Amino acid sequence: MAMTERQMIQEILNTVDVIYAFENVDEDAKEYTLLVTQQDNDNRPIEKVNAEIKKYFQEADFNYKEELNPTNTDKPADIRVVIKR
């Protein structure tokens, strides 16, 4: 059985081992906005975490647009990511 896009997104983010929340979901347009936060014990620079996430999403054929340390979010986040297929 093929994975849904949401399952694929969750699999990627779990692989990178980050905390995430869907900020906005438009399944009709296949566009998702995610808020990503590093685990408390994660010492990787946020740029490295972002590069790893970006690589996985691009390999899965998603367009990827990121904003590091976003300020206009309802929840604290290290990265806001807009992905679209």
C-alpha atoms as a PDB file:
ATOM      1  CA  MET A   1       0.000   0.000   0.000  1.00  0.00           C
ATOM      2  CA  ALA A   2       1.366   3.421  -0.950  1.00  0.00           C
ATOM      3  CA  MET A   3       1.905   6.055   1.709  1.00  0.00           C
ATOM      4  CA  THR A   4      -0.255   9.140   1.773  1.00  0.00           C
ATOM      5  CA  GLU A   5       1.527  12.466   1.519  1.00  0.00           C
ATOM      6  CA  ARG A   6       0.882  13.144   5.183  1.00  0.00           C
ATOM      7  CA  GLN A   7       2.389   9.770   6.138  1.00  0.00           C
ATOM      8  CA  MET A   8       5.425  10.492   3.975  1.00  0.00           C
ATOM      9  CA  ILE A   9       5.877  13.894   5.645  1.00  0.00           C
ATOM     10  CA  GLN A  10       5.636  12.306   9.089  1.00  0.00           C
ATOM     11  CA  GLU A  11       8.105   9.571   8.123  1.00  0.00           C
ATOM     12  CA  ILE A  12      10.656  12.130   6.920  1.00  0.00           C
ATOM     13  CA  LEU A  13      10.353  14.276  10.027  1.00  0.00           C
ATOM     14  CA  ASN A  14      10.559  11.255  12.320  1.00  0.00           C
ATOM     15  CA  THR A  15      13.697  10.131  10.460  1.00  0.00           C
ATOM     16  CA  VAL A  16      15.350  13.492  11.115  1.00  0.00           C
ATOM     17  CA  ASP A  17      14.175  13.201  14.756  1.00  0.00           C
ATOM     18  CA  VAL A  18      12.504  16.565  15.245  1.00  0.00           C
ATOM     19  CA  ILE A  19       9.293  17.744  16.884  1.00  0.00           C
ATOM     20  CA  TYR A  20       6.764  19.061  14.379  1.00  0.00           C
ATOM     21  CA  ALA A  21       3.239  20.327  13.989  1.00  0.00           C
ATOM     22  CA  PHE A  22       1.133  21.010  10.923  1.00  0.00           C
ATOM     23  CA  GLU A  23       0.415  24.742  10.900  1.00  0.00           C
ATOM     24  CA  ASN A  24      -1.629  24.642   7.702  1.00  0.00           C
ATOM     25  CA  VAL A  25      -2.811  21.780   5.493  1.00  0.00           C
ATOM     26  CA  ASP A  26      -4.281  22.165   2.018  1.00  0.00           C
ATOM     27  CA  GLU A  27      -4.612  18.605   0.766  1.00  0.00           C
ATOM     28  CA  ASP A  28      -6.408  19.713  -2.405  1.00  0.00           C
ATOM     29  CA  ALA A  29      -3.437  21.876  -3.411  1.00  0.00           C
ATOM     30  CA  LYS A  30      -1.012  19.346  -1.847  1.00  0.00           C
ATOM     31  CA  GLU A  31       0.590  22.142   0.183  1.00  0.00           C
ATOM     32  CA  TYR A  32       1.577  21.815   3.823  1.00  0.00           C
ATOM     33  CA  THR A  33       3.047  24.306   6.283  1.00  0.00           C
ATOM     34  CA  LEU A  34       5.001  22.736   9.121  1.00  0.00           C
ATOM     35  CA  LEU A  35       6.495  24.095  12.314  1.00  0.00           C
ATOM     36  CA  VAL A  36       9.652  22.203  13.228  1.00  0.00           C
ATOM     37  CA  THR A  37      11.449  22.306  16.582  1.00  0.00           C
ATOM     38  CA  GLN A  38      14.600  20.512  17.608  1.00  0.00           C
ATOM     39  CA  GLN A  39      14.543  17.983  20.430  1.00  0.00           C
ATOM     40  CA  ASP A  40      15.944  19.369  23.721  1.00  0.00           C
ATOM     41  CA  ASN A  41      19.009  17.106  23.544  1.00  0.00           C
ATOM     42  CA  ASP A  42      19.759  17.847  19.859  1.00  0.00           C
ATOM     43  CA  ASN A  43      23.025  19.788  19.556  1.00  0.00           C
ATOM     44  CA  ARG A  44      23.077  20.024  15.757  1.00  0.00           C
ATOM     45  CA  PRO A  45      23.093  23.561  14.324  1.00  0.00           C
ATOM     46  CA  ILE A  46      19.618  24.467  13.045  1.00  0.00           C
ATOM     47  CA  GLU A  47      21.091  24.982   9.559  1.00  0.00           C
ATOM     48  CA  LYS A  48      22.269  21.350   9.515  1.00  0.00           C
ATOM     49  CA  VAL A  49      18.858  20.094  10.641  1.00  0.00           C
ATOM     50  CA  ASN A  50      17.203  22.192   7.940  1.00  0.00           C
ATOM     51  CA  ALA A  51      19.597  20.891   5.265  1.00  0.00           C
ATOM     52  CA  GLU A  52      18.820  17.302   6.251  1.00  0.00           C
ATOM     53  CA  ILE A  53      15.048  17.873   6.179  1.00  0.00           C
ATOM     54  CA  LYS A  54      15.331  19.710   2.848  1.00  0.00           C
ATOM     55  CA  LYS A  55      17.340  16.872   1.283  1.00  0.00           C
ATOM     56  CA  TYR A  56      14.719  14.264   2.231  1.00  0.00           C
ATOM     57  CA  PHE A  57      11.796  16.356   0.979  1.00  0.00           C
ATOM     58  CA  GLN A  58      13.518  17.141  -2.313  1.00  0.00           C
ATOM     59  CA  GLU A  59      14.294  13.441  -2.791  1.00  0.00           C
ATOM     60  CA  ALA A  60      10.569  12.777  -2.247  1.00  0.00           C
ATOM     61  CA  ASP A  61       9.790  15.313  -5.008  1.00  0.00           C
ATOM     62  CA  PHE A  62       8.446  18.133  -2.818  1.00  0.00           C
ATOM     63  CA  ASN A  63       9.133  21.835  -3.359  1.00  0.00           C
ATOM     64  CA  TYR A  64      10.666  23.158  -0.144  1.00  0.00           C
ATOM     65  CA  LYS A  65      10.669  26.697   1.214  1.00  0.00           C
ATOM     66  CA  GLU A  66      12.003  27.323   4.700  1.00  0.00           C
ATOM     67  CA  GLU A  67      12.138  30.143   7.200  1.00  0.00           C
ATOM     68  CA  LEU A  68      14.639  29.722  10.026  1.00  0.00           C
ATOM     69  CA  ASN A  69      13.638  31.088  13.436  1.00  0.00           C
ATOM     70  CA  PRO A  70      10.209  32.360  12.312  1.00  0.00           C
ATOM     71  CA  THR A  71       8.757  35.102  14.474  1.00  0.00           C
ATOM     72  CA  ASN A  72       5.081  35.200  13.462  1.00  0.00           C
ATOM     73  CA  THR A  73       3.914  31.759  14.629  1.00  0.00           C
ATOM     74  CA  ASP A  74       1.298  30.711  17.150  1.00  0.00           C
ATOM     75  CA  LYS A  75       3.704  28.107  18.561  1.00  0.00           C
ATOM     76  CA  PRO A  76       7.456  28.477  19.061  1.00  0.00           C
ATOM     77  CA  ALA A  77       9.423  26.883  16.219  1.00  0.00           C
ATOM     78  CA  ASP A  78      12.976  26.698  14.917  1.00  0.00           C
ATOM     79  CA  ILE A  79      11.919  26.312  11.291  1.00  0.00           C
ATOM     80  CA  ARG A  80       8.747  27.002   9.342  1.00  0.00           C
ATOM     81  CA  VAL A  81       8.596  24.865   6.228  1.00  0.00           C
ATOM     82  CA  VAL A  82       6.194  25.148   3.304  1.00  0.00           C
ATOM     83  CA  ILE A  83       6.247  22.060   1.135  1.00  0.00           C
ATOM     84  CA  LYS A  84       4.248  21.353  -1.971  1.00  0.00           C
ATOM     85  CA  ARG A  85       4.061  18.518  -4.410  1.00  0.00           C
END
